[in-house]
PDB file of N, CA and C in Angstrom:
ATOM      1  N   MET A   1     -19.626  -0.987  21.714  1.00  0.00           N
ATOM      2  CA  MET A   1     -19.045  -0.968  20.383  1.00  0.00           C
ATOM      3  C   MET A   1     -17.745  -1.447  20.610  1.00  0.00           C
ATOM      4  N   LYS A   2     -17.312  -2.293  20.027  1.00  0.00           N
ATOM      5  CA  LYS A   2     -15.861  -3.377  20.112  1.00  0.00           C
ATOM      6  C   LYS A   2     -14.942  -2.605  19.318  1.00  0.00           C
ATOM      7  N   ARG A   3     -13.597  -2.680  19.319  1.00  0.00           N
ATOM      8  CA  ARG A   3     -12.780  -2.081  18.542  1.00  0.00           C
ATOM      9  C   ARG A   3     -11.837  -2.858  17.595  1.00  0.00           C
ATOM     10  N   SER A   4     -11.694  -2.709  16.507  1.00  0.00           N
ATOM     11  CA  SER A   4     -11.441  -3.782  15.358  1.00  0.00           C
ATOM     12  C   SER A   4      -9.692  -3.168  15.310  1.00  0.00           C
ATOM     13  N   TYR A   5      -8.754  -3.829  15.205  1.00  0.00           N
ATOM     14  CA  TYR A   5      -7.284  -3.224  14.763  1.00  0.00           C
ATOM     15  C   TYR A   5      -7.022  -3.973  13.513  1.00  0.00           C
ATOM     16  N   LEU A   6      -7.995  -4.888  12.928  1.00  0.00           N
ATOM     17  CA  LEU A   6      -7.599  -5.572  11.969  1.00  0.00           C
ATOM     18  C   LEU A   6      -7.549  -4.277  11.075  1.00  0.00           C
ATOM     19  N   PRO A   7      -8.351  -3.808  10.556  1.00  0.00           N
ATOM     20  CA  PRO A   7      -7.905  -2.564   9.308  1.00  0.00           C
ATOM     21  C   PRO A   7      -6.878  -2.423   9.495  1.00  0.00           C
ATOM     22  N   VAL A   8      -6.366  -1.728  10.761  1.00  0.00           N
ATOM     23  CA  VAL A   8      -5.411  -0.283  11.128  1.00  0.00           C
ATOM     24  C   VAL A   8      -4.267  -1.468  10.985  1.00  0.00           C
ATOM     25  N   ALA A   9      -4.068  -2.554  11.077  1.00  0.00           N
ATOM     26  CA  ALA A   9      -2.967  -3.306  10.964  1.00  0.00           C
ATOM     27  C   ALA A   9      -2.921  -3.565   9.442  1.00  0.00           C
ATOM     28  N   LEU A  10      -4.002  -4.139   8.715  1.00  0.00           N
ATOM     29  CA  LEU A  10      -3.645  -3.962   6.879  1.00  0.00           C
ATOM     30  C   LEU A  10      -3.396  -2.701   6.379  1.00  0.00           C
ATOM     31  N   LEU A  11      -4.139  -1.643   6.675  1.00  0.00           N
ATOM     32  CA  LEU A  11      -3.085  -0.457   6.356  1.00  0.00           C
ATOM     33  C   LEU A  11      -1.943  -0.249   6.685  1.00  0.00           C
ATOM     34  N   LEU A  12      -1.347  -0.689   7.866  1.00  0.00           N
ATOM     35  CA  LEU A  12      -0.013  -0.269   8.224  1.00  0.00           C
ATOM     36  C   LEU A  12       0.989  -1.715   7.095  1.00  0.00           C
ATOM     37  N   ALA A  13       0.233  -2.626   6.819  1.00  0.00           N
ATOM     38  CA  ALA A  13       0.675  -3.612   5.906  1.00  0.00           C
ATOM     39  C   ALA A  13       0.880  -3.084   4.928  1.00  0.00           C
ATOM     40  N   VAL A  14      -0.169  -2.418   4.048  1.00  0.00           N
ATOM     41  CA  VAL A  14       0.019  -1.590   2.770  1.00  0.00           C
ATOM     42  C   VAL A  14       0.896  -0.716   2.503  1.00  0.00           C
ATOM     43  N   LEU A  15       0.955   0.356   3.876  1.00  0.00           N
ATOM     44  CA  LEU A  15       1.923   1.086   3.922  1.00  0.00           C
ATOM     45  C   LEU A  15       3.429   0.598   3.875  1.00  0.00           C
ATOM     46  N   MET A  16       3.711  -0.535   4.506  1.00  0.00           N
ATOM     47  CA  MET A  16       5.278  -1.030   4.605  1.00  0.00           C
ATOM     48  C   MET A  16       5.381  -1.452   2.903  1.00  0.00           C
ATOM     49  N   LEU A  17       4.142  -2.053   2.221  1.00  0.00           N
ATOM     50  CA  LEU A  17       4.383  -2.471   1.261  1.00  0.00           C
ATOM     51  C   LEU A  17       5.085  -1.368   0.278  1.00  0.00           C
ATOM     52  N   ASN A  18       4.150  -0.169   0.193  1.00  0.00           N
ATOM     53  CA  ASN A  18       4.332   1.061  -0.510  1.00  0.00           C
ATOM     54  C   ASN A  18       5.596   1.463  -0.488  1.00  0.00           C
ATOM     55  N   ILE A  19       6.231   1.634   0.854  1.00  0.00           N
ATOM     56  CA  ILE A  19       7.573   1.896   1.370  1.00  0.00           C
ATOM     57  C   ILE A  19       8.808   1.281   0.765  1.00  0.00           C
ATOM     58  N   ILE A  20       8.425  -0.250   0.701  1.00  0.00           N
ATOM     59  CA  ILE A  20       9.513  -1.262   0.095  1.00  0.00           C
ATOM     60  C   ILE A  20       9.375  -0.812  -1.421  1.00  0.00           C
ATOM     61  N   PHE A  21       8.511  -1.101  -1.916  1.00  0.00           N
ATOM     62  CA  PHE A  21       8.440  -0.750  -3.436  1.00  0.00           C
ATOM     63  C   PHE A  21       8.851   0.519  -3.845  1.00  0.00           C
ATOM     64  N   THR A  22       8.759   1.138  -3.216  1.00  0.00           N
ATOM     65  CA  THR A  22       9.140   2.635  -3.535  1.00  0.00           C
ATOM     66  C   THR A  22      10.511   2.874  -3.491  1.00  0.00           C
ATOM     67  N   GLN A  23      11.239   2.430  -2.285  1.00  0.00           N
ATOM     68  CA  GLN A  23      12.637   2.130  -2.251  1.00  0.00           C
ATOM     69  C   GLN A  23      13.208   1.221  -3.313  1.00  0.00           C
ATOM     70  N   TYR A  24      12.287   0.285  -3.848  1.00  0.00           N
ATOM     71  CA  TYR A  24      13.097  -0.538  -4.595  1.00  0.00           C
ATOM     72  C   TYR A  24      12.852  -0.119  -6.139  1.00  0.00           C
ATOM     73  N   MET A  25      11.807   0.817  -6.304  1.00  0.00           N
ATOM     74  CA  MET A  25      11.758   1.463  -7.730  1.00  0.00           C
ATOM     75  C   MET A  25      13.272   2.894  -7.925  1.00  0.00           C
ATOM     76  N   VAL A  26      13.484   3.262  -7.018  1.00  0.00           N
ATOM     77  CA  VAL A  26      14.437   4.221  -6.871  1.00  0.00           C
ATOM     78  C   VAL A  26      15.743   3.738  -7.271  1.00  0.00           C
ATOM     79  N   HIS A  27      15.998   2.479  -6.178  1.00  0.00           N
ATOM     80  CA  HIS A  27      17.224   1.682  -6.234  1.00  0.00           C
ATOM     81  C   HIS A  27      17.070   1.580  -7.905  1.00  0.00           C
ATOM     82  N   GLN A  28      16.091   0.327  -8.192  1.00  0.00           N
ATOM     83  CA  GLN A  28      16.342   0.366  -9.873  1.00  0.00           C
ATOM     84  C   GLN A  28      16.465   1.470 -10.858  1.00  0.00           C
ATOM     85  N   TYR A  29      15.696   2.574 -10.419  1.00  0.00           N
ATOM     86  CA  TYR A  29      16.010   3.621 -11.640  1.00  0.00           C
ATOM     87  C   TYR A  29      17.641   4.025 -11.492  1.00  0.00           C
ATOM     88  N   PHE A  30      18.204   4.143 -10.104  1.00  0.00           N
ATOM     89  CA  PHE A  30      19.408   4.678 -10.128  1.00  0.00           C
ATOM     90  C   PHE A  30      20.341   3.776 -10.889  1.00  0.00           C
ATOM     91  N   TYR A  31      20.459   2.160 -10.958  1.00  0.00           N
ATOM     92  CA  TYR A  31      20.880   1.523 -11.849  1.00  0.00           C
ATOM     93  C   TYR A  31      20.193   1.098 -12.931  1.00  0.00           C
ATOM     94  N   GLU A  32      19.563   1.911 -13.605  1.00  0.00           N
ATOM     95  CA  GLU A  32      19.151   1.990 -15.051  1.00  0.00           C
ATOM     96  C   GLU A  32      18.460   0.969 -15.493  1.00  0.00           C
ATOM     97  N   HIS A  33      17.355   0.220 -14.543  1.00  0.00           N
ATOM     98  CA  HIS A  33      16.722  -1.072 -14.999  1.00  0.00           C
ATOM     99  C   HIS A  33      15.721  -0.563 -14.926  1.00  0.00           C
ATOM    100  N   PHE A  34      15.092  -0.037 -16.281  1.00  0.00           N
ATOM    101  CA  PHE A  34      13.600   0.606 -16.323  1.00  0.00           C
ATOM    102  C   PHE A  34      12.420  -0.049 -15.952  1.00  0.00           C
ATOM    103  N   THR A  35      12.537  -1.143 -16.793  1.00  0.00           N
ATOM    104  CA  THR A  35      11.649  -2.570 -16.454  1.00  0.00           C
ATOM    105  C   THR A  35      11.192  -2.522 -15.314  1.00  0.00           C
ATOM    106  N   ASN A  36      12.035  -2.917 -14.098  1.00  0.00           N
ATOM    107  CA  ASN A  36      11.648  -3.010 -12.788  1.00  0.00           C
ATOM    108  C   ASN A  36      11.156  -1.697 -12.304  1.00  0.00           C
ATOM    109  N   THR A  37      11.879  -0.844 -12.788  1.00  0.00           N
ATOM    110  CA  THR A  37      11.095   0.768 -12.099  1.00  0.00           C
ATOM    111  C   THR A  37       9.795   0.762 -12.455  1.00  0.00           C
ATOM    112  N   ILE A  38       9.378   0.173 -13.544  1.00  0.00           N
ATOM    113  CA  ILE A  38       7.773   0.287 -13.918  1.00  0.00           C
ATOM    114  C   ILE A  38       7.352  -0.354 -13.701  1.00  0.00           C
ATOM    115  N   ILE A  39       7.832  -1.426 -12.952  1.00  0.00           N
ATOM    116  CA  ILE A  39       6.737  -2.384 -12.351  1.00  0.00           C
ATOM    117  C   ILE A  39       6.706  -2.210 -10.879  1.00  0.00           C
ATOM    118  N   ALA A  40       7.596  -1.997 -10.404  1.00  0.00           N
ATOM    119  CA  ALA A  40       7.791  -1.482  -9.005  1.00  0.00           C
ATOM    120  C   ALA A  40       6.842  -0.061  -9.059  1.00  0.00           C
ATOM    121  N   ALA A  41       6.468   0.600  -9.906  1.00  0.00           N
ATOM    122  CA  ALA A  41       5.356   1.872 -10.000  1.00  0.00           C
ATOM    123  C   ALA A  41       4.121   1.298 -10.259  1.00  0.00           C
ATOM    124  N   VAL A  42       3.954   0.538 -11.061  1.00  0.00           N
ATOM    125  CA  VAL A  42       2.595  -0.097 -11.067  1.00  0.00           C
ATOM    126  C   VAL A  42       2.237  -0.839 -10.059  1.00  0.00           C
ATOM    127  N   ILE A  43       2.920  -1.348  -9.247  1.00  0.00           N
ATOM    128  CA  ILE A  43       2.398  -2.208  -7.985  1.00  0.00           C
ATOM    129  C   ILE A  43       1.867  -1.149  -6.823  1.00  0.00           C
ATOM    130  N   ASN A  44       2.806  -0.299  -7.059  1.00  0.00           N
ATOM    131  CA  ASN A  44       2.851   0.881  -6.046  1.00  0.00           C
ATOM    132  C   ASN A  44       0.933   1.663  -6.421  1.00  0.00           C
ATOM    133  N   VAL A  45       0.815   2.300  -7.594  1.00  0.00           N
ATOM    134  CA  VAL A  45      -0.462   2.514  -8.342  1.00  0.00           C
ATOM    135  C   VAL A  45      -1.487   1.561  -7.687  1.00  0.00           C
ATOM    136  N   ILE A  46      -1.231   0.474  -7.519  1.00  0.00           N
ATOM    137  CA  ILE A  46      -2.654  -0.890  -7.555  1.00  0.00           C
ATOM    138  C   ILE A  46      -2.416  -0.639  -6.135  1.00  0.00           C
ATOM    139  N   LEU A  47      -1.531  -0.515  -5.167  1.00  0.00           N
ATOM    140  CA  LEU A  47      -1.637  -0.496  -3.601  1.00  0.00           C
ATOM    141  C   LEU A  47      -2.587   0.408  -3.242  1.00  0.00           C
ATOM    142  N   PHE A  48      -2.953   1.734  -3.671  1.00  0.00           N
ATOM    143  CA  PHE A  48      -2.931   2.713  -3.384  1.00  0.00           C
ATOM    144  C   PHE A  48      -4.917   2.607  -3.539  1.00  0.00           C
ATOM    145  N   PRO A  49      -5.771   1.683  -4.086  1.00  0.00           N
ATOM    146  CA  PRO A  49      -6.975   1.785  -3.913  1.00  0.00           C
ATOM    147  C   PRO A  49      -7.383   0.445  -3.194  1.00  0.00           C
ATOM    148  N   ILE A  50      -6.053  -0.611  -2.842  1.00  0.00           N
ATOM    149  CA  ILE A  50      -6.116  -1.338  -2.034  1.00  0.00           C
ATOM    150  C   ILE A  50      -6.228  -0.933  -0.538  1.00  0.00           C
ATOM    151  N   ALA A  51      -5.231   0.128  -0.099  1.00  0.00           N
ATOM    152  CA  ALA A  51      -5.434   1.326   0.811  1.00  0.00           C
ATOM    153  C   ALA A  51      -6.399   1.274   1.157  1.00  0.00           C
ATOM    154  N   PHE A  52      -7.374   2.218   0.019  1.00  0.00           N
ATOM    155  CA  PHE A  52      -8.162   2.859   0.259  1.00  0.00           C
ATOM    156  C   PHE A  52      -9.517   2.192   0.361  1.00  0.00           C
ATOM    157  N   LEU A  53      -9.883   0.841  -0.330  1.00  0.00           N
ATOM    158  CA  LEU A  53     -10.782  -0.044   0.521  1.00  0.00           C
ATOM    159  C   LEU A  53     -10.736  -0.296   1.770  1.00  0.00           C
ATOM    160  N   ILE A  54      -9.564  -0.746   1.801  1.00  0.00           N
ATOM    161  CA  ILE A  54      -9.413  -1.150   3.364  1.00  0.00           C
ATOM    162  C   ILE A  54     -10.123   0.214   4.349  1.00  0.00           C
ATOM    163  N   TYR A  55      -9.413   1.248   4.305  1.00  0.00           N
ATOM    164  CA  TYR A  55      -9.982   2.271   4.810  1.00  0.00           C
ATOM    165  C   TYR A  55     -11.374   2.285   5.358  1.00  0.00           C
ATOM    166  N   LYS A  56     -12.200   2.346   4.143  1.00  0.00           N
ATOM    167  CA  LYS A  56     -13.692   2.476   3.844  1.00  0.00           C
ATOM    168  C   LYS A  56     -14.097   1.313   4.657  1.00  0.00           C
ATOM    169  N   LYS A  57     -13.752   0.215   4.134  1.00  0.00           N
ATOM    170  CA  LYS A  57     -14.610  -0.702   5.129  1.00  0.00           C
ATOM    171  C   LYS A  57     -14.472  -0.638   6.618  1.00  0.00           C
ATOM    172  N   GLY A  58     -12.919  -0.607   7.251  1.00  0.00           N
ATOM    173  CA  GLY A  58     -12.581  -0.115   8.879  1.00  0.00           C
ATOM    174  C   GLY A  58     -13.927   1.176   9.003  1.00  0.00           C
ATOM    175  N   VAL A  59     -13.892   2.059   8.478  1.00  0.00           N
ATOM    176  CA  VAL A  59     -14.599   3.238   8.487  1.00  0.00           C
ATOM    177  C   VAL A  59     -16.189   2.744   9.039  1.00  0.00           C
ATOM    178  N   ASN A  60     -16.373   1.843   7.812  1.00  0.00           N
ATOM    179  CA  ASN A  60     -17.904   1.465   7.977  1.00  0.00           C
ATOM    180  C   ASN A  60     -17.843   0.689   9.283  1.00  0.00           C
ATOM    181  N   VAL A  61     -17.203  -0.291   9.577  1.00  0.00           N
ATOM    182  CA  VAL A  61     -17.583  -1.044  10.700  1.00  0.00           C
ATOM    183  C   VAL A  61     -17.930  -0.175  11.813  1.00  0.00           C
ATOM    184  N   HIS A  62     -16.956   0.715  12.155  1.00  0.00           N
ATOM    185  CA  HIS A  62     -17.079   1.681  13.052  1.00  0.00           C
ATOM    186  C   HIS A  62     -18.352   2.408  13.117  1.00  0.00           C
ATOM    187  N   ASP A  63     -19.291   2.541  12.244  1.00  0.00           N
ATOM    188  CA  ASP A  63     -20.140   3.824  11.420  1.00  0.00           C
ATOM    189  C   ASP A  63     -21.209   2.771  12.185  1.00  0.00           C
ATOM    190  N   GLN A  64     -21.601   1.616  12.624  1.00  0.00           N
ATOM    191  CA  GLN A  64     -22.662   0.784  12.396  1.00  0.00           C
ATOM    192  C   GLN A  64     -22.964   0.816  14.237  1.00  0.00           C
TER     193      GLN A  64
END
């Protein structure tokens, strides 16, 4: 069985994006830019299902 590091790399990329957008969201909230805060929060919510799909596909590859 061959190991695939692609799902791990994609999950790390999504995690990095989550960290970046969370930091951006807090920064924008501090400076009272609420529209940007909501946009960053929505992007974080969208990234979660993407990470979940990547995780599920990565697990299914190793189960075969």
